[in-house]
């Protein structure tokens, strides 16, 4: 357990003391469920109140823990996903327009709220190759052109039904029937 002690200007949420220390420590935690549970380790900052002894993990520690889980699963970390988007100099909305990923989904991945599954992670990996982004952008342009020509080709048409006395009689006699009850 490596310790790096620094004074923090925050106050303790329990006792209000400003006598706070931040130490860097190896944090072991379980990940998974049942027989699939594994013990993971992350080196995190631990914030401790010297007066009341309260110890907490802050947002930075949570991000480090999240990164350890991503590394264990073999998927991209939030920082790597942001870097991927940054590679193309696209804001989230633009990246989502090209990739068809949901904006809320991408935002959750980048903020470390959730971890993408392996299929999405493979998609993100492939997006790291510029030719794949180019292909998606080209496909999007082709779909727009195809949609325009398809709309022009297939105009809806209506057929005219001749109103005969027989048709009028059938319309007047038509009634909806109740659906049969099951088991009764």
N, C-alpha and C. Protein backbone atom coordinates (compact mmCIF):
# COMPACT_ATOMS: atom_id res chain seq x y z
N UNK A 1 0.86 -1.18 0.00
CA UNK A 1 0.00 0.00 0.00
C UNK A 1 0.90 1.23 0.00
N UNK A 2 0.94 1.90 -1.15
CA UNK A 2 1.73 3.13 -1.28
C UNK A 2 0.93 4.29 -0.75
N UNK A 3 1.57 5.16 0.01
CA UNK A 3 0.85 6.30 0.56
C UNK A 3 1.46 7.59 0.05
N UNK A 4 0.57 8.45 -0.40
CA UNK A 4 0.99 9.79 -0.81
C UNK A 4 0.03 10.73 -0.09
N UNK A 5 0.51 11.41 0.89
CA UNK A 5 -0.36 12.24 1.72
C UNK A 5 -0.28 13.69 1.27
N UNK A 6 -1.48 14.23 1.02
CA UNK A 6 -1.59 15.66 0.67
C UNK A 6 -2.75 16.24 1.46
N UNK A 7 -2.65 17.50 1.79
CA UNK A 7 -3.75 18.17 2.48
C UNK A 7 -4.79 18.58 1.46
N UNK A 8 -6.04 18.44 1.85
CA UNK A 8 -7.16 18.76 0.98
C UNK A 8 -7.93 19.94 1.58
N UNK A 9 -8.40 20.84 0.76
CA UNK A 9 -9.11 22.02 1.27
C UNK A 9 -10.58 21.73 1.54
N UNK A 10 -11.06 20.52 1.25
CA UNK A 10 -12.46 20.17 1.49
C UNK A 10 -12.73 19.96 2.97
N UNK A 11 -14.00 19.86 3.27
CA UNK A 11 -14.39 19.58 4.65
C UNK A 11 -15.07 18.22 4.71
N UNK A 12 -14.99 17.60 5.85
CA UNK A 12 -15.57 16.29 6.06
C UNK A 12 -17.10 16.38 6.04
N UNK A 13 -17.79 15.53 5.28
CA UNK A 13 -19.25 15.57 5.24
C UNK A 13 -19.88 15.08 6.54
N UNK A 14 -19.13 14.35 7.35
CA UNK A 14 -19.67 13.80 8.60
C UNK A 14 -19.52 14.78 9.76
N UNK A 15 -18.30 15.33 9.95
CA UNK A 15 -18.07 16.18 11.14
C UNK A 15 -17.77 17.64 10.79
N UNK A 16 -17.57 17.95 9.53
CA UNK A 16 -17.31 19.33 9.11
C UNK A 16 -15.87 19.77 9.27
N UNK A 17 -15.00 18.88 9.71
CA UNK A 17 -13.59 19.22 9.92
C UNK A 17 -12.91 19.45 8.57
N UNK A 18 -11.94 20.33 8.59
CA UNK A 18 -11.16 20.56 7.37
C UNK A 18 -9.81 19.83 7.46
N UNK A 19 -9.68 19.00 8.47
CA UNK A 19 -8.47 18.22 8.68
C UNK A 19 -8.57 16.93 7.84
N UNK A 20 -8.44 17.09 6.53
CA UNK A 20 -8.64 16.01 5.57
C UNK A 20 -7.30 15.63 4.96
N UNK A 21 -7.07 14.32 4.81
CA UNK A 21 -5.87 13.82 4.14
C UNK A 21 -6.28 12.97 2.96
N UNK A 22 -5.50 13.06 1.89
CA UNK A 22 -5.70 12.20 0.72
C UNK A 22 -4.50 11.29 0.62
N UNK A 23 -4.75 9.99 0.67
CA UNK A 23 -3.68 9.01 0.51
C UNK A 23 -3.98 8.17 -0.73
N UNK A 24 -2.94 7.70 -1.36
CA UNK A 24 -3.11 6.81 -2.49
C UNK A 24 -2.93 5.40 -1.97
N UNK A 25 -3.90 4.54 -2.28
CA UNK A 25 -3.87 3.20 -1.73
C UNK A 25 -4.32 2.18 -2.76
N UNK A 26 -3.89 0.93 -2.57
CA UNK A 26 -4.37 -0.16 -3.40
C UNK A 26 -5.74 -0.57 -2.87
N UNK A 27 -6.75 -0.48 -3.73
CA UNK A 27 -8.13 -0.77 -3.34
C UNK A 27 -8.55 -2.06 -4.02
N UNK A 28 -8.87 -3.07 -3.23
CA UNK A 28 -9.34 -4.35 -3.76
C UNK A 28 -10.85 -4.39 -3.65
N UNK A 29 -11.50 -4.87 -4.74
CA UNK A 29 -12.96 -4.90 -4.75
C UNK A 29 -13.44 -6.07 -5.60
N UNK A 30 -14.60 -6.65 -5.23
CA UNK A 30 -15.14 -7.76 -6.02
C UNK A 30 -15.85 -7.21 -7.26
N UNK A 31 -15.76 -7.97 -8.36
CA UNK A 31 -16.51 -7.61 -9.56
C UNK A 31 -17.15 -8.88 -10.11
N UNK A 32 -18.43 -8.79 -10.43
CA UNK A 32 -19.16 -9.93 -10.98
C UNK A 32 -20.18 -10.44 -9.99
N UNK A 33 -20.80 -11.58 -10.38
CA UNK A 33 -21.83 -12.18 -9.54
C UNK A 33 -21.60 -13.68 -9.41
N UNK A 34 -21.94 -14.20 -8.26
CA UNK A 34 -21.88 -15.65 -8.05
C UNK A 34 -20.50 -16.22 -8.31
N UNK A 35 -20.48 -17.31 -9.09
CA UNK A 35 -19.21 -17.98 -9.41
C UNK A 35 -18.32 -17.16 -10.32
N UNK A 36 -18.90 -16.15 -10.99
CA UNK A 36 -18.12 -15.30 -11.90
C UNK A 36 -17.43 -14.14 -11.19
N UNK A 37 -17.59 -14.03 -9.88
CA UNK A 37 -16.99 -12.92 -9.14
C UNK A 37 -15.47 -13.06 -9.11
N UNK A 38 -14.80 -11.94 -9.40
CA UNK A 38 -13.35 -11.90 -9.34
C UNK A 38 -12.95 -10.73 -8.45
N UNK A 39 -11.75 -10.80 -7.93
CA UNK A 39 -11.22 -9.71 -7.10
C UNK A 39 -10.34 -8.84 -8.00
N UNK A 40 -10.68 -7.55 -8.10
CA UNK A 40 -9.90 -6.61 -8.88
C UNK A 40 -9.20 -5.63 -7.95
N UNK A 41 -8.16 -4.98 -8.47
CA UNK A 41 -7.40 -4.02 -7.67
C UNK A 41 -7.19 -2.75 -8.48
N UNK A 42 -7.29 -1.62 -7.80
CA UNK A 42 -7.02 -0.32 -8.42
C UNK A 42 -6.29 0.55 -7.40
N UNK A 43 -5.36 1.33 -7.87
CA UNK A 43 -4.63 2.26 -7.01
C UNK A 43 -5.40 3.58 -7.03
N UNK A 44 -6.04 3.91 -5.93
CA UNK A 44 -6.97 5.04 -5.88
C UNK A 44 -6.64 6.03 -4.77
N UNK A 45 -7.09 7.28 -4.94
CA UNK A 45 -6.96 8.23 -3.83
C UNK A 45 -8.06 7.94 -2.80
N UNK A 46 -7.69 7.92 -1.55
CA UNK A 46 -8.62 7.69 -0.45
C UNK A 46 -8.62 8.95 0.41
N UNK A 47 -9.79 9.54 0.59
CA UNK A 47 -9.92 10.77 1.36
C UNK A 47 -10.35 10.40 2.78
N UNK A 48 -9.56 10.83 3.77
CA UNK A 48 -9.82 10.45 5.15
C UNK A 48 -9.83 11.68 6.04
N UNK A 49 -10.83 11.75 6.93
CA UNK A 49 -10.91 12.82 7.92
C UNK A 49 -10.07 12.39 9.13
N UNK A 50 -9.10 13.21 9.47
CA UNK A 50 -8.22 12.89 10.60
C UNK A 50 -8.95 12.99 11.93
N UNK A 51 -10.04 13.76 12.00
CA UNK A 51 -10.76 13.95 13.26
C UNK A 51 -11.75 12.83 13.56
N UNK A 52 -12.58 12.45 12.57
CA UNK A 52 -13.60 11.43 12.85
C UNK A 52 -13.30 10.08 12.20
N UNK A 53 -12.31 10.03 11.31
CA UNK A 53 -11.91 8.76 10.71
C UNK A 53 -12.70 8.35 9.47
N UNK A 54 -13.64 9.16 9.04
CA UNK A 54 -14.42 8.83 7.84
C UNK A 54 -13.49 8.76 6.63
N UNK A 55 -13.61 7.68 5.86
CA UNK A 55 -12.84 7.52 4.63
C UNK A 55 -13.81 7.36 3.46
N UNK A 56 -13.54 8.10 2.37
CA UNK A 56 -14.42 8.04 1.20
C UNK A 56 -13.58 7.99 -0.08
N UNK A 57 -14.20 7.44 -1.12
CA UNK A 57 -13.61 7.45 -2.45
C UNK A 57 -14.34 8.53 -3.25
N UNK A 58 -13.59 9.43 -3.86
CA UNK A 58 -14.22 10.52 -4.62
C UNK A 58 -14.45 10.11 -6.08
N UNK A 59 -14.85 11.08 -6.88
CA UNK A 59 -15.14 10.81 -8.29
C UNK A 59 -13.91 10.31 -9.03
N UNK A 60 -12.77 10.85 -8.70
CA UNK A 60 -11.53 10.42 -9.35
C UNK A 60 -11.27 8.94 -9.05
N UNK A 61 -11.48 8.54 -7.81
CA UNK A 61 -11.30 7.14 -7.43
C UNK A 61 -12.30 6.25 -8.16
N UNK A 62 -13.54 6.71 -8.25
CA UNK A 62 -14.57 5.94 -8.96
C UNK A 62 -14.19 5.75 -10.42
N UNK A 63 -13.63 6.79 -11.04
CA UNK A 63 -13.21 6.69 -12.45
C UNK A 63 -12.08 5.67 -12.60
N UNK A 64 -11.16 5.64 -11.64
CA UNK A 64 -10.05 4.69 -11.69
C UNK A 64 -10.58 3.26 -11.53
N UNK A 65 -11.55 3.08 -10.65
CA UNK A 65 -12.17 1.76 -10.44
C UNK A 65 -12.88 1.32 -11.72
N UNK A 66 -13.61 2.24 -12.35
CA UNK A 66 -14.32 1.95 -13.60
C UNK A 66 -13.32 1.51 -14.68
N UNK A 67 -12.20 2.21 -14.75
CA UNK A 67 -11.16 1.88 -15.72
C UNK A 67 -10.60 0.48 -15.46
N UNK A 68 -10.44 0.12 -14.20
CA UNK A 68 -9.95 -1.22 -13.85
C UNK A 68 -10.92 -2.30 -14.32
N UNK A 69 -12.22 -2.03 -14.19
CA UNK A 69 -13.24 -2.97 -14.65
C UNK A 69 -13.19 -3.09 -16.18
N UNK A 70 -13.08 -1.96 -16.87
CA UNK A 70 -12.97 -1.98 -18.34
C UNK A 70 -11.75 -2.78 -18.78
N UNK A 71 -10.62 -2.58 -18.11
CA UNK A 71 -9.40 -3.32 -18.44
C UNK A 71 -9.60 -4.82 -18.21
N UNK A 72 -10.28 -5.16 -17.12
CA UNK A 72 -10.56 -6.57 -16.83
C UNK A 72 -11.43 -7.18 -17.93
N UNK A 73 -12.43 -6.43 -18.39
CA UNK A 73 -13.35 -6.93 -19.42
C UNK A 73 -12.75 -6.86 -20.82
N UNK A 74 -11.65 -6.12 -20.97
CA UNK A 74 -11.02 -5.98 -22.28
C UNK A 74 -11.77 -5.06 -23.21
N UNK A 75 -12.42 -4.03 -22.64
CA UNK A 75 -13.16 -3.07 -23.46
C UNK A 75 -12.54 -1.68 -23.28
N UNK A 76 -12.91 -0.79 -24.19
CA UNK A 76 -12.38 0.57 -24.15
C UNK A 76 -12.86 1.30 -22.91
N UNK A 77 -11.98 2.13 -22.35
CA UNK A 77 -12.32 2.95 -21.19
C UNK A 77 -13.03 4.21 -21.68
N UNK A 78 -13.69 4.94 -20.78
CA UNK A 78 -14.32 6.20 -21.17
C UNK A 78 -13.35 7.16 -21.84
N UNK A 79 -12.12 7.24 -21.33
CA UNK A 79 -11.12 8.14 -21.93
C UNK A 79 -10.76 7.71 -23.35
N UNK A 80 -10.69 6.41 -23.57
CA UNK A 80 -10.37 5.90 -24.90
C UNK A 80 -11.52 6.19 -25.89
N UNK A 81 -12.74 6.11 -25.40
CA UNK A 81 -13.90 6.40 -26.26
C UNK A 81 -13.90 7.88 -26.63
N UNK A 82 -13.63 8.74 -25.64
CA UNK A 82 -13.54 10.18 -25.92
C UNK A 82 -12.42 10.45 -26.93
N UNK A 83 -11.29 9.77 -26.76
CA UNK A 83 -10.16 9.96 -27.67
C UNK A 83 -10.51 9.51 -29.08
N UNK A 84 -11.28 8.44 -29.19
CA UNK A 84 -11.72 7.96 -30.50
C UNK A 84 -12.54 9.04 -31.21
N UNK A 85 -13.49 9.60 -30.50
CA UNK A 85 -14.31 10.67 -31.07
C UNK A 85 -13.45 11.89 -31.38
N UNK A 86 -12.49 12.18 -30.50
CA UNK A 86 -11.58 13.31 -30.71
C UNK A 86 -10.69 13.13 -31.92
N UNK A 87 -10.39 11.87 -32.25
CA UNK A 87 -9.58 11.57 -33.43
C UNK A 87 -10.20 12.18 -34.69
N UNK A 88 -11.52 12.20 -34.74
CA UNK A 88 -12.23 12.73 -35.90
C UNK A 88 -12.71 14.17 -35.69
N UNK A 89 -12.37 14.72 -34.53
CA UNK A 89 -12.75 16.09 -34.19
C UNK A 89 -14.26 16.30 -34.32
N UNK A 90 -15.02 15.34 -33.76
CA UNK A 90 -16.47 15.39 -33.82
C UNK A 90 -17.04 15.56 -32.41
N UNK A 91 -18.06 16.40 -32.30
CA UNK A 91 -18.78 16.46 -31.03
C UNK A 91 -19.66 15.22 -30.95
N UNK A 92 -20.20 14.94 -29.77
CA UNK A 92 -20.99 13.72 -29.58
C UNK A 92 -22.10 13.60 -30.62
N UNK A 93 -22.82 14.69 -30.85
CA UNK A 93 -23.95 14.65 -31.78
C UNK A 93 -23.50 14.25 -33.18
N UNK A 94 -22.41 14.82 -33.65
CA UNK A 94 -21.89 14.50 -34.99
C UNK A 94 -21.44 13.04 -35.06
N UNK A 95 -20.74 12.60 -34.02
CA UNK A 95 -20.26 11.22 -33.98
C UNK A 95 -21.45 10.25 -34.03
N UNK A 96 -22.51 10.59 -33.32
CA UNK A 96 -23.71 9.75 -33.29
C UNK A 96 -24.43 9.75 -34.64
N UNK A 97 -24.43 10.87 -35.33
CA UNK A 97 -25.05 10.93 -36.65
C UNK A 97 -24.35 9.99 -37.63
N UNK A 98 -23.03 9.95 -37.56
CA UNK A 98 -22.26 9.10 -38.47
C UNK A 98 -22.38 7.63 -38.08
N UNK A 99 -22.27 7.33 -36.79
CA UNK A 99 -22.21 5.94 -36.32
C UNK A 99 -23.57 5.34 -36.02
N UNK A 100 -24.58 6.18 -35.89
CA UNK A 100 -25.94 5.76 -35.51
C UNK A 100 -26.00 5.25 -34.07
N UNK A 101 -25.00 5.58 -33.28
CA UNK A 101 -25.07 5.28 -31.85
C UNK A 101 -26.02 6.28 -31.21
N UNK A 102 -26.69 5.88 -30.16
CA UNK A 102 -27.56 6.79 -29.44
C UNK A 102 -26.74 7.81 -28.66
N UNK A 103 -27.18 9.05 -28.68
CA UNK A 103 -26.47 10.11 -27.97
C UNK A 103 -26.37 9.86 -26.48
N UNK A 104 -27.47 9.41 -25.88
CA UNK A 104 -27.46 9.14 -24.43
C UNK A 104 -26.52 7.98 -24.11
N UNK A 105 -26.52 6.98 -24.99
CA UNK A 105 -25.66 5.82 -24.79
C UNK A 105 -24.19 6.24 -24.83
N UNK A 106 -23.82 6.98 -25.87
CA UNK A 106 -22.44 7.43 -26.00
C UNK A 106 -22.03 8.28 -24.80
N UNK A 107 -22.92 9.17 -24.37
CA UNK A 107 -22.64 10.02 -23.22
C UNK A 107 -22.40 9.19 -21.96
N UNK A 108 -23.21 8.15 -21.75
CA UNK A 108 -23.03 7.29 -20.57
C UNK A 108 -21.70 6.54 -20.62
N UNK A 109 -21.31 6.10 -21.81
CA UNK A 109 -20.03 5.41 -21.94
C UNK A 109 -18.89 6.36 -21.63
N UNK A 110 -18.96 7.57 -22.18
CA UNK A 110 -17.87 8.54 -22.00
C UNK A 110 -17.79 9.05 -20.57
N UNK A 111 -18.89 9.10 -19.85
CA UNK A 111 -18.88 9.57 -18.47
C UNK A 111 -18.64 8.44 -17.48
N UNK A 112 -18.55 7.20 -17.97
CA UNK A 112 -18.30 6.06 -17.09
C UNK A 112 -19.51 5.65 -16.28
N UNK A 113 -20.69 5.96 -16.78
CA UNK A 113 -21.91 5.57 -16.08
C UNK A 113 -22.20 4.09 -16.31
N UNK A 114 -22.00 3.64 -17.55
CA UNK A 114 -22.17 2.23 -17.91
C UNK A 114 -20.98 1.80 -18.77
N UNK A 115 -20.82 0.50 -18.90
CA UNK A 115 -19.77 -0.07 -19.74
C UNK A 115 -20.43 -0.74 -20.93
N UNK A 116 -19.92 -0.45 -22.12
CA UNK A 116 -20.46 -1.03 -23.33
C UNK A 116 -20.22 -2.53 -23.35
N UNK A 117 -21.13 -3.26 -24.01
CA UNK A 117 -20.92 -4.70 -24.13
C UNK A 117 -19.85 -4.97 -25.19
N UNK A 118 -19.44 -6.21 -25.32
CA UNK A 118 -18.32 -6.53 -26.22
C UNK A 118 -18.66 -6.28 -27.68
N UNK A 119 -19.93 -6.43 -28.08
CA UNK A 119 -20.31 -6.17 -29.47
C UNK A 119 -20.14 -4.67 -29.79
N UNK A 120 -20.62 -3.82 -28.91
CA UNK A 120 -20.43 -2.37 -29.11
C UNK A 120 -18.95 -2.01 -29.04
N UNK A 121 -18.22 -2.67 -28.16
CA UNK A 121 -16.80 -2.37 -28.05
C UNK A 121 -16.07 -2.74 -29.35
N UNK A 122 -16.47 -3.86 -29.96
CA UNK A 122 -15.89 -4.22 -31.25
C UNK A 122 -16.22 -3.17 -32.31
N UNK A 123 -17.44 -2.66 -32.28
CA UNK A 123 -17.84 -1.60 -33.22
C UNK A 123 -16.98 -0.36 -32.99
N UNK A 124 -16.79 0.02 -31.73
CA UNK A 124 -15.94 1.17 -31.43
C UNK A 124 -14.51 0.94 -31.91
N UNK A 125 -14.03 -0.28 -31.73
CA UNK A 125 -12.68 -0.61 -32.20
C UNK A 125 -12.57 -0.39 -33.71
N UNK A 126 -13.55 -0.88 -34.45
CA UNK A 126 -13.54 -0.73 -35.91
C UNK A 126 -13.64 0.73 -36.32
N UNK A 127 -14.30 1.53 -35.49
CA UNK A 127 -14.41 2.96 -35.80
C UNK A 127 -13.06 3.66 -35.65
N UNK A 128 -12.11 3.01 -35.04
CA UNK A 128 -10.77 3.57 -34.91
C UNK A 128 -10.00 3.60 -36.22
N UNK A 129 -10.51 2.91 -37.23
CA UNK A 129 -9.90 2.91 -38.55
C UNK A 129 -10.64 3.91 -39.43
N UNK A 130 -9.95 4.94 -39.87
CA UNK A 130 -10.58 6.04 -40.58
C UNK A 130 -11.37 5.57 -41.79
N UNK A 131 -10.91 4.51 -42.45
CA UNK A 131 -11.65 4.03 -43.63
C UNK A 131 -13.05 3.55 -43.27
N UNK A 132 -13.24 3.07 -42.04
CA UNK A 132 -14.58 2.64 -41.62
C UNK A 132 -15.50 3.82 -41.39
N UNK A 133 -14.98 4.90 -40.82
CA UNK A 133 -15.78 6.12 -40.68
C UNK A 133 -16.13 6.64 -42.07
N UNK A 134 -15.14 6.64 -42.98
CA UNK A 134 -15.39 7.08 -44.36
C UNK A 134 -16.49 6.24 -45.00
N UNK A 135 -16.45 4.93 -44.78
CA UNK A 135 -17.49 4.04 -45.34
C UNK A 135 -18.86 4.39 -44.78
N UNK A 136 -18.93 4.64 -43.48
CA UNK A 136 -20.22 4.99 -42.88
C UNK A 136 -20.76 6.31 -43.44
N UNK A 137 -19.86 7.28 -43.59
CA UNK A 137 -20.28 8.57 -44.14
C UNK A 137 -20.74 8.41 -45.59
N UNK A 138 -20.04 7.59 -46.35
CA UNK A 138 -20.42 7.34 -47.75
C UNK A 138 -21.77 6.62 -47.80
N UNK A 139 -21.96 5.66 -46.93
CA UNK A 139 -23.22 4.91 -46.87
C UNK A 139 -24.38 5.85 -46.55
N UNK A 140 -24.14 6.76 -45.62
CA UNK A 140 -25.17 7.71 -45.24
C UNK A 140 -25.56 8.56 -46.45
N UNK A 141 -24.58 9.01 -47.23
CA UNK A 141 -24.87 9.81 -48.43
C UNK A 141 -25.64 8.98 -49.44
N UNK A 142 -25.27 7.71 -49.63
CA UNK A 142 -25.96 6.84 -50.58
C UNK A 142 -27.39 6.60 -50.14
N UNK A 143 -27.62 6.40 -48.84
CA UNK A 143 -28.97 6.17 -48.35
C UNK A 143 -29.87 7.38 -48.60
N UNK A 144 -29.31 8.57 -48.46
CA UNK A 144 -30.09 9.78 -48.74
C UNK A 144 -30.48 9.82 -50.20
N UNK A 145 -29.53 9.52 -51.09
CA UNK A 145 -29.82 9.52 -52.52
C UNK A 145 -30.81 8.41 -52.88
N UNK A 146 -30.65 7.23 -52.29
CA UNK A 146 -31.56 6.12 -52.54
C UNK A 146 -32.97 6.47 -52.07
N UNK A 147 -33.07 7.10 -50.93
CA UNK A 147 -34.38 7.48 -50.40
C UNK A 147 -35.07 8.45 -51.34
N UNK A 148 -34.34 9.40 -51.87
CA UNK A 148 -34.94 10.37 -52.78
C UNK A 148 -35.44 9.69 -54.05
N UNK A 149 -34.66 8.82 -54.64
CA UNK A 149 -35.09 8.16 -55.87
C UNK A 149 -36.21 7.17 -55.59
N UNK A 150 -36.17 6.50 -54.44
CA UNK A 150 -37.24 5.56 -54.09
C UNK A 150 -38.56 6.30 -53.92
N UNK A 151 -38.53 7.45 -53.29
CA UNK A 151 -39.74 8.23 -53.08
C UNK A 151 -40.32 8.66 -54.42
N UNK A 152 -39.45 9.05 -55.33
CA UNK A 152 -39.93 9.47 -56.64
C UNK A 152 -40.51 8.31 -57.43
N UNK A 153 -39.93 7.11 -57.32
CA UNK A 153 -40.38 5.95 -58.07
C UNK A 153 -41.72 5.42 -57.59
N UNK A 154 -41.92 5.40 -56.29
CA UNK A 154 -43.09 4.74 -55.73
C UNK A 154 -44.04 5.73 -55.10
N UNK A 155 -44.78 6.40 -55.91
CA UNK A 155 -45.81 7.30 -55.41
C UNK A 155 -47.02 6.46 -55.04
N UNK A 156 -47.62 6.70 -53.90
CA UNK A 156 -48.79 5.91 -53.52
C UNK A 156 -49.93 6.13 -54.52
N UNK A 157 -50.62 5.08 -54.81
CA UNK A 157 -51.78 5.20 -55.71
C UNK A 157 -52.98 4.55 -55.05
N UNK A 158 -54.12 5.02 -55.40
CA UNK A 158 -55.36 4.50 -54.84
C UNK A 158 -56.18 3.93 -55.98
N UNK A 159 -56.84 2.83 -55.71
CA UNK A 159 -57.73 2.31 -56.74
C UNK A 159 -59.15 2.70 -56.40
N UNK A 160 -59.88 2.90 -57.41
CA UNK A 160 -61.26 3.33 -57.23
C UNK A 160 -62.15 2.10 -57.18
N UNK A 161 -63.01 2.03 -56.18
CA UNK A 161 -63.92 0.91 -56.04
C UNK A 161 -65.30 1.37 -56.50
N UNK A 162 -65.83 0.58 -57.36
CA UNK A 162 -67.17 0.92 -57.87
C UNK A 162 -68.20 0.54 -56.82
N UNK A 163 -69.03 1.51 -56.47
CA UNK A 163 -70.05 1.27 -55.45
C UNK A 163 -71.25 0.61 -56.12
N UNK A 164 -71.39 -0.67 -55.84
CA UNK A 164 -72.54 -1.39 -56.37
C UNK A 164 -73.55 -1.56 -55.25
N UNK A 165 -74.75 -1.96 -55.60
CA UNK A 165 -75.78 -2.19 -54.58
C UNK A 165 -75.36 -3.32 -53.65
N UNK A 166 -74.68 -4.33 -54.19
CA UNK A 166 -74.22 -5.46 -53.39
C UNK A 166 -73.19 -5.00 -52.36
N UNK A 167 -72.25 -4.14 -52.77
CA UNK A 167 -71.23 -3.61 -51.86
C UNK A 167 -71.87 -2.77 -50.76
N UNK A 168 -72.80 -1.92 -51.12
CA UNK A 168 -73.48 -1.07 -50.13
C UNK A 168 -74.22 -1.94 -49.12
N UNK A 169 -74.91 -2.99 -49.57
CA UNK A 169 -75.64 -3.89 -48.68
C UNK A 169 -74.67 -4.59 -47.71
N UNK A 170 -73.51 -5.06 -48.22
CA UNK A 170 -72.54 -5.74 -47.38
C UNK A 170 -71.97 -4.80 -46.32
N UNK A 171 -71.74 -3.53 -46.71
CA UNK A 171 -71.23 -2.55 -45.75
C UNK A 171 -72.25 -2.29 -44.65
N UNK A 172 -73.51 -2.23 -45.00
CA UNK A 172 -74.56 -1.96 -44.01
C UNK A 172 -74.77 -3.14 -43.08
N UNK A 173 -74.56 -4.37 -43.56
CA UNK A 173 -74.76 -5.57 -42.75
C UNK A 173 -73.54 -5.95 -41.91
N UNK A 174 -72.42 -5.32 -42.19
CA UNK A 174 -71.17 -5.68 -41.50
C UNK A 174 -71.24 -5.36 -40.02
N UNK A 175 -70.84 -6.34 -39.17
CA UNK A 175 -70.76 -6.15 -37.72
C UNK A 175 -69.49 -6.80 -37.20
N UNK A 176 -68.87 -6.16 -36.25
CA UNK A 176 -67.73 -6.78 -35.58
C UNK A 176 -68.25 -7.85 -34.64
N UNK A 177 -67.58 -8.99 -34.59
CA UNK A 177 -67.98 -10.09 -33.72
C UNK A 177 -67.05 -10.10 -32.51
N UNK A 178 -67.59 -10.38 -31.32
CA UNK A 178 -66.71 -10.48 -30.15
C UNK A 178 -65.77 -11.68 -30.31
N UNK A 179 -64.55 -11.54 -29.78
CA UNK A 179 -63.58 -12.63 -29.87
C UNK A 179 -64.00 -13.74 -28.92
N UNK A 180 -63.74 -14.97 -29.32
CA UNK A 180 -64.13 -16.09 -28.43
C UNK A 180 -63.29 -16.08 -27.17
N UNK A 181 -63.88 -16.46 -26.05
CA UNK A 181 -63.14 -16.51 -24.78
C UNK A 181 -62.39 -17.82 -24.69
N UNK A 182 -61.22 -17.77 -24.11
CA UNK A 182 -60.40 -18.96 -23.97
C UNK A 182 -60.86 -19.74 -22.75
N UNK A 183 -61.08 -21.03 -22.94
CA UNK A 183 -61.45 -21.91 -21.83
C UNK A 183 -62.86 -21.67 -21.32
N UNK A 184 -63.71 -21.04 -22.07
CA UNK A 184 -65.03 -20.78 -21.52
C UNK A 184 -66.02 -20.88 -22.53
